[in-house]
């Protein structure tokens, strides 16, 4: 699933849109509960080499709170 499909899925299930809480990282997206505004998912683009992966470029990573 790519970033766009994930955003559509979250919108459909939870009726929330992402916000961008980090000025230094404008592509990072936080999804927050409507009631308490605590985030439940954070989507980030990380350089592949920081994850020990081969190749150049970025990879999307999702951090989900359970």
PDB file of N, CA and C in Angstrom:
ATOM      1  N   UNK A   1       0.854  -1.170   0.000  1.00  0.00           N
ATOM      2  CA  UNK A   1       0.000   0.000   0.000  1.00  0.00           C
ATOM      3  C   UNK A   1       0.898   1.230   0.000  1.00  0.00           C
ATOM      4  N   UNK A   2       0.596   2.158  -0.875  1.00  0.00           N
ATOM      5  CA  UNK A   2       1.388   3.380  -0.911  1.00  0.00           C
ATOM      6  C   UNK A   2       0.767   4.450  -0.003  1.00  0.00           C
ATOM      7  N   UNK A   3       1.459   5.547   0.120  1.00  0.00           N
ATOM      8  CA  UNK A   3       1.065   6.634   1.031  1.00  0.00           C
ATOM      9  C   UNK A   3      -0.330   7.172   0.707  1.00  0.00           C
ATOM     10  N   UNK A   4      -0.631   7.313  -0.562  1.00  0.00           N
ATOM     11  CA  UNK A   4      -1.931   7.842  -0.979  1.00  0.00           C
ATOM     12  C   UNK A   4      -3.059   6.899  -0.593  1.00  0.00           C
ATOM     13  N   UNK A   5      -2.870   5.612  -0.849  1.00  0.00           N
ATOM     14  CA  UNK A   5      -3.901   4.632  -0.499  1.00  0.00           C
ATOM     15  C   UNK A   5      -4.081   4.535   1.017  1.00  0.00           C
ATOM     16  N   UNK A   6      -2.992   4.664   1.759  1.00  0.00           N
ATOM     17  CA  UNK A   6      -3.088   4.657   3.216  1.00  0.00           C
ATOM     18  C   UNK A   6      -3.907   5.853   3.700  1.00  0.00           C
ATOM     19  N   UNK A   7      -3.651   7.029   3.142  1.00  0.00           N
ATOM     20  CA  UNK A   7      -4.402   8.231   3.518  1.00  0.00           C
ATOM     21  C   UNK A   7      -5.887   8.056   3.205  1.00  0.00           C
ATOM     22  N   UNK A   8      -6.206   7.487   2.053  1.00  0.00           N
ATOM     23  CA  UNK A   8      -7.603   7.239   1.685  1.00  0.00           C
ATOM     24  C   UNK A   8      -8.251   6.254   2.647  1.00  0.00           C
ATOM     25  N   UNK A   9      -7.528   5.221   3.015  1.00  0.00           N
ATOM     26  CA  UNK A   9      -8.035   4.198   3.932  1.00  0.00           C
ATOM     27  C   UNK A   9      -8.323   4.804   5.316  1.00  0.00           C
ATOM     28  N   UNK A  10      -7.400   5.580   5.827  1.00  0.00           N
ATOM     29  CA  UNK A  10      -7.595   6.215   7.137  1.00  0.00           C
ATOM     30  C   UNK A  10      -8.761   7.196   7.080  1.00  0.00           C
ATOM     31  N   UNK A  11      -8.863   7.964   6.009  1.00  0.00           N
ATOM     32  CA  UNK A  11      -9.974   8.912   5.854  1.00  0.00           C
ATOM     33  C   UNK A  11     -11.315   8.176   5.846  1.00  0.00           C
ATOM     34  N   UNK A  12     -11.362   7.067   5.129  1.00  0.00           N
ATOM     35  CA  UNK A  12     -12.598   6.292   5.035  1.00  0.00           C
ATOM     36  C   UNK A  12     -12.994   5.684   6.379  1.00  0.00           C
ATOM     37  N   UNK A  13     -12.020   5.134   7.101  1.00  0.00           N
ATOM     38  CA  UNK A  13     -12.314   4.468   8.379  1.00  0.00           C
ATOM     39  C   UNK A  13     -12.550   5.439   9.529  1.00  0.00           C
ATOM     40  N   UNK A  14     -11.731   6.476   9.615  1.00  0.00           N
ATOM     41  CA  UNK A  14     -11.729   7.336  10.805  1.00  0.00           C
ATOM     42  C   UNK A  14     -12.129   8.785  10.545  1.00  0.00           C
ATOM     43  N   UNK A  15     -12.342   9.154   9.291  1.00  0.00           N
ATOM     44  CA  UNK A  15     -12.729  10.511   8.914  1.00  0.00           C
ATOM     45  C   UNK A  15     -11.753  11.563   9.446  1.00  0.00           C
ATOM     46  N   UNK A  16     -10.465  11.284   9.314  1.00  0.00           N
ATOM     47  CA  UNK A  16      -9.434  12.251   9.693  1.00  0.00           C
ATOM     48  C   UNK A  16      -8.460  12.444   8.535  1.00  0.00           C
ATOM     49  N   UNK A  17      -7.968  13.649   8.427  1.00  0.00           N
ATOM     50  CA  UNK A  17      -6.953  13.984   7.431  1.00  0.00           C
ATOM     51  C   UNK A  17      -5.639  14.225   8.159  1.00  0.00           C
ATOM     52  N   UNK A  18      -4.527  14.062   7.472  1.00  0.00           N
ATOM     53  CA  UNK A  18      -3.237  14.252   8.142  1.00  0.00           C
ATOM     54  C   UNK A  18      -2.934  15.717   8.399  1.00  0.00           C
ATOM     55  N   UNK A  19      -2.107  15.938   9.418  1.00  0.00           N
ATOM     56  CA  UNK A  19      -1.521  17.262   9.583  1.00  0.00           C
ATOM     57  C   UNK A  19      -0.015  17.109   9.480  1.00  0.00           C
ATOM     58  N   UNK A  20       0.674  18.219   9.436  1.00  0.00           N
ATOM     59  CA  UNK A  20       2.121  18.222   9.214  1.00  0.00           C
ATOM     60  C   UNK A  20       2.774  18.967  10.382  1.00  0.00           C
ATOM     61  N   UNK A  21       3.070  18.250  11.478  1.00  0.00           N
ATOM     62  CA  UNK A  21       3.509  18.910  12.714  1.00  0.00           C
ATOM     63  C   UNK A  21       4.972  19.345  12.747  1.00  0.00           C
ATOM     64  N   UNK A  22       5.779  18.909  11.797  1.00  0.00           N
ATOM     65  CA  UNK A  22       7.211  19.194  11.862  1.00  0.00           C
ATOM     66  C   UNK A  22       7.637  20.119  10.727  1.00  0.00           C
ATOM     67  N   UNK A  23       7.941  21.363  11.037  1.00  0.00           N
ATOM     68  CA  UNK A  23       8.350  22.329  10.017  1.00  0.00           C
ATOM     69  C   UNK A  23       9.608  21.862   9.274  1.00  0.00           C
ATOM     70  N   UNK A  24      10.500  21.192  10.000  1.00  0.00           N
ATOM     71  CA  UNK A  24      11.747  20.713   9.398  1.00  0.00           C
ATOM     72  C   UNK A  24      11.500  19.555   8.416  1.00  0.00           C
ATOM     73  N   UNK A  25      10.394  18.847   8.600  1.00  0.00           N
ATOM     74  CA  UNK A  25      10.047  17.693   7.756  1.00  0.00           C
ATOM     75  C   UNK A  25       8.623  17.853   7.233  1.00  0.00           C
ATOM     76  N   UNK A  26       8.413  18.702   6.231  1.00  0.00           N
ATOM     77  CA  UNK A  26       7.054  19.001   5.777  1.00  0.00           C
ATOM     78  C   UNK A  26       6.321  17.832   5.131  1.00  0.00           C
ATOM     79  N   UNK A  27       7.038  16.775   4.763  1.00  0.00           N
ATOM     80  CA  UNK A  27       6.375  15.617   4.155  1.00  0.00           C
ATOM     81  C   UNK A  27       5.900  14.596   5.185  1.00  0.00           C
ATOM     82  N   UNK A  28       6.299  14.743   6.442  1.00  0.00           N
ATOM     83  CA  UNK A  28       5.830  13.835   7.487  1.00  0.00           C
ATOM     84  C   UNK A  28       4.361  14.136   7.772  1.00  0.00           C
ATOM     85  N   UNK A  29       3.551  13.093   7.926  1.00  0.00           N
ATOM     86  CA  UNK A  29       2.119  13.263   8.156  1.00  0.00           C
ATOM     87  C   UNK A  29       1.714  12.563   9.447  1.00  0.00           C
ATOM     88  N   UNK A  30       1.014  13.282  10.308  1.00  0.00           N
ATOM     89  CA  UNK A  30       0.499  12.709  11.551  1.00  0.00           C
ATOM     90  C   UNK A  30      -1.016  12.579  11.439  1.00  0.00           C
ATOM     91  N   UNK A  31      -1.522  11.433  11.850  1.00  0.00           N
ATOM     92  CA  UNK A  31      -2.962  11.205  11.902  1.00  0.00           C
ATOM     93  C   UNK A  31      -3.357  11.185  13.367  1.00  0.00           C
ATOM     94  N   UNK A  32      -4.377  11.963  13.717  1.00  0.00           N
ATOM     95  CA  UNK A  32      -4.740  12.165  15.118  1.00  0.00           C
ATOM     96  C   UNK A  32      -6.192  11.772  15.380  1.00  0.00           C
ATOM     97  N   UNK A  33      -6.429  11.293  16.616  1.00  0.00           N
ATOM     98  CA  UNK A  33      -7.794  11.021  17.064  1.00  0.00           C
ATOM     99  C   UNK A  33      -8.561  12.336  17.088  1.00  0.00           C
ATOM    100  N   UNK A  34      -9.815  12.301  16.692  1.00  0.00           N
ATOM    101  CA  UNK A  34     -10.616  13.527  16.651  1.00  0.00           C
ATOM    102  C   UNK A  34     -10.869  14.100  18.046  1.00  0.00           C
ATOM    103  N   UNK A  35     -11.085  13.241  19.033  1.00  0.00           N
ATOM    104  CA  UNK A  35     -11.426  13.715  20.381  1.00  0.00           C
ATOM    105  C   UNK A  35     -10.264  14.351  21.110  1.00  0.00           C
ATOM    106  N   UNK A  36      -9.145  13.634  21.236  1.00  0.00           N
ATOM    107  CA  UNK A  36      -8.059  14.110  22.094  1.00  0.00           C
ATOM    108  C   UNK A  36      -6.842  14.641  21.321  1.00  0.00           C
ATOM    109  N   UNK A  37      -6.877  14.568  19.984  1.00  0.00           N
ATOM    110  CA  UNK A  37      -5.812  15.073  19.112  1.00  0.00           C
ATOM    111  C   UNK A  37      -4.469  14.351  19.291  1.00  0.00           C
ATOM    112  N   UNK A  38      -4.454  13.221  20.013  1.00  0.00           N
ATOM    113  CA  UNK A  38      -3.223  12.424  20.101  1.00  0.00           C
ATOM    114  C   UNK A  38      -3.066  11.653  18.792  1.00  0.00           C
ATOM    115  N   UNK A  39      -1.825  11.553  18.317  1.00  0.00           N
ATOM    116  CA  UNK A  39      -1.626  10.881  17.042  1.00  0.00           C
ATOM    117  C   UNK A  39      -1.650   9.364  17.213  1.00  0.00           C
ATOM    118  N   UNK A  40      -2.161   8.681  16.172  1.00  0.00           N
ATOM    119  CA  UNK A  40      -2.173   7.219  16.151  1.00  0.00           C
ATOM    120  C   UNK A  40      -1.332   6.658  15.022  1.00  0.00           C
ATOM    121  N   UNK A  41      -0.927   7.499  14.080  1.00  0.00           N
ATOM    122  CA  UNK A  41      -0.054   7.057  12.991  1.00  0.00           C
ATOM    123  C   UNK A  41       0.782   8.234  12.510  1.00  0.00           C
ATOM    124  N   UNK A  42       2.017   7.927  12.187  1.00  0.00           N
ATOM    125  CA  UNK A  42       2.933   8.923  11.640  1.00  0.00           C
ATOM    126  C   UNK A  42       3.567   8.315  10.398  1.00  0.00           C
ATOM    127  N   UNK A  43       3.434   9.016   9.273  1.00  0.00           N
ATOM    128  CA  UNK A  43       4.018   8.549   8.009  1.00  0.00           C
ATOM    129  C   UNK A  43       5.210   9.446   7.704  1.00  0.00           C
ATOM    130  N   UNK A  44       6.359   8.805   7.480  1.00  0.00           N
ATOM    131  CA  UNK A  44       7.601   9.541   7.252  1.00  0.00           C
ATOM    132  C   UNK A  44       8.285   9.008   6.007  1.00  0.00           C
ATOM    133  N   UNK A  45       9.022   9.857   5.324  1.00  0.00           N
ATOM    134  CA  UNK A  45       9.904   9.375   4.265  1.00  0.00           C
ATOM    135  C   UNK A  45      11.334   9.470   4.801  1.00  0.00           C
ATOM    136  N   UNK A  46      12.009   8.332   4.772  1.00  0.00           N
ATOM    137  CA  UNK A  46      13.327   8.169   5.373  1.00  0.00           C
ATOM    138  C   UNK A  46      14.312   7.742   4.280  1.00  0.00           C
ATOM    139  N   UNK A  47      15.538   8.263   4.304  1.00  0.00           N
ATOM    140  CA  UNK A  47      16.534   7.782   3.333  1.00  0.00           C
ATOM    141  C   UNK A  47      16.771   6.276   3.510  1.00  0.00           C
ATOM    142  N   UNK A  48      16.797   5.555   2.420  1.00  0.00           N
ATOM    143  CA  UNK A  48      16.959   4.093   2.453  1.00  0.00           C
ATOM    144  C   UNK A  48      18.199   3.669   3.246  1.00  0.00           C
ATOM    145  N   UNK A  49      19.297   4.423   3.090  1.00  0.00           N
ATOM    146  CA  UNK A  49      20.539   4.019   3.762  1.00  0.00           C
ATOM    147  C   UNK A  49      20.425   4.089   5.286  1.00  0.00           C
ATOM    148  N   UNK A  50      19.545   4.943   5.822  1.00  0.00           N
ATOM    149  CA  UNK A  50      19.373   5.020   7.288  1.00  0.00           C
ATOM    150  C   UNK A  50      18.739   3.758   7.850  1.00  0.00           C
ATOM    151  N   UNK A  51      18.075   2.994   6.975  1.00  0.00           N
ATOM    152  CA  UNK A  51      17.454   1.746   7.389  1.00  0.00           C
ATOM    153  C   UNK A  51      18.296   0.531   7.001  1.00  0.00           C
ATOM    154  N   UNK A  52      19.483   0.776   6.470  1.00  0.00           N
ATOM    155  CA  UNK A  52      20.357  -0.319   6.060  1.00  0.00           C
ATOM    156  C   UNK A  52      19.928  -0.968   4.758  1.00  0.00           C
ATOM    157  N   UNK A  53      19.144  -0.269   3.961  1.00  0.00           N
ATOM    158  CA  UNK A  53      18.679  -0.802   2.688  1.00  0.00           C
ATOM    159  C   UNK A  53      19.571  -0.328   1.557  1.00  0.00           C
ATOM    160  N   UNK A  54      19.675  -1.147   0.536  1.00  0.00           N
ATOM    161  CA  UNK A  54      20.478  -0.776  -0.618  1.00  0.00           C
ATOM    162  C   UNK A  54      19.730   0.211  -1.489  1.00  0.00           C
ATOM    163  N   UNK A  55      20.470   0.954  -2.261  1.00  0.00           N
ATOM    164  CA  UNK A  55      19.882   1.888  -3.210  1.00  0.00           C
ATOM    165  C   UNK A  55      19.811   3.295  -2.655  1.00  0.00           C
ATOM    166  N   UNK A  56      19.509   4.207  -3.559  1.00  0.00           N
ATOM    167  CA  UNK A  56      19.366   5.611  -3.198  1.00  0.00           C
ATOM    168  C   UNK A  56      17.895   5.942  -3.054  1.00  0.00           C
ATOM    169  N   UNK A  57      17.634   7.107  -2.554  1.00  0.00           N
ATOM    170  CA  UNK A  57      16.260   7.580  -2.494  1.00  0.00           C
ATOM    171  C   UNK A  57      15.632   7.375  -1.128  1.00  0.00           C
ATOM    172  N   UNK A  58      14.336   7.625  -1.116  1.00  0.00           N
ATOM    173  CA  UNK A  58      13.586   7.604   0.138  1.00  0.00           C
ATOM    174  C   UNK A  58      12.641   6.414   0.141  1.00  0.00           C
ATOM    175  N   UNK A  59      12.225   6.042   1.345  1.00  0.00           N
ATOM    176  CA  UNK A  59      11.226   4.985   1.510  1.00  0.00           C
ATOM    177  C   UNK A  59      10.225   5.484   2.560  1.00  0.00           C
ATOM    178  N   UNK A  60       8.953   5.207   2.325  1.00  0.00           N
ATOM    179  CA  UNK A  60       7.927   5.604   3.299  1.00  0.00           C
ATOM    180  C   UNK A  60       7.888   4.606   4.439  1.00  0.00           C
ATOM    181  N   UNK A  61       7.811   5.134   5.646  1.00  0.00           N
ATOM    182  CA  UNK A  61       7.751   4.332   6.871  1.00  0.00           C
ATOM    183  C   UNK A  61       6.534   4.800   7.657  1.00  0.00           C
ATOM    184  N   UNK A  62       5.786   3.843   8.216  1.00  0.00           N
ATOM    185  CA  UNK A  62       4.619   4.172   9.017  1.00  0.00           C
ATOM    186  C   UNK A  62       4.868   3.707  10.450  1.00  0.00           C
ATOM    187  N   UNK A  63       4.714   4.621  11.390  1.00  0.00           N
ATOM    188  CA  UNK A  63       4.796   4.318  12.818  1.00  0.00           C
ATOM    189  C   UNK A  63       3.367   4.355  13.337  1.00  0.00           C
ATOM    190  N   UNK A  64       2.871   3.203  13.813  1.00  0.00           N
ATOM    191  CA  UNK A  64       1.490   3.098  14.273  1.00  0.00           C
ATOM    192  C   UNK A  64       1.480   2.845  15.770  1.00  0.00           C
ATOM    193  N   UNK A  65       0.704   3.650  16.501  1.00  0.00           N
ATOM    194  CA  UNK A  65       0.517   3.403  17.931  1.00  0.00           C
ATOM    195  C   UNK A  65      -0.597   2.386  18.092  1.00  0.00           C
ATOM    196  N   UNK A  66      -0.356   1.423  18.914  1.00  0.00           N
ATOM    197  CA  UNK A  66      -1.362   0.374  19.165  1.00  0.00           C
ATOM    198  C   UNK A  66      -1.948   0.530  20.544  1.00  0.00           C
TER     199      UNK A  66
END
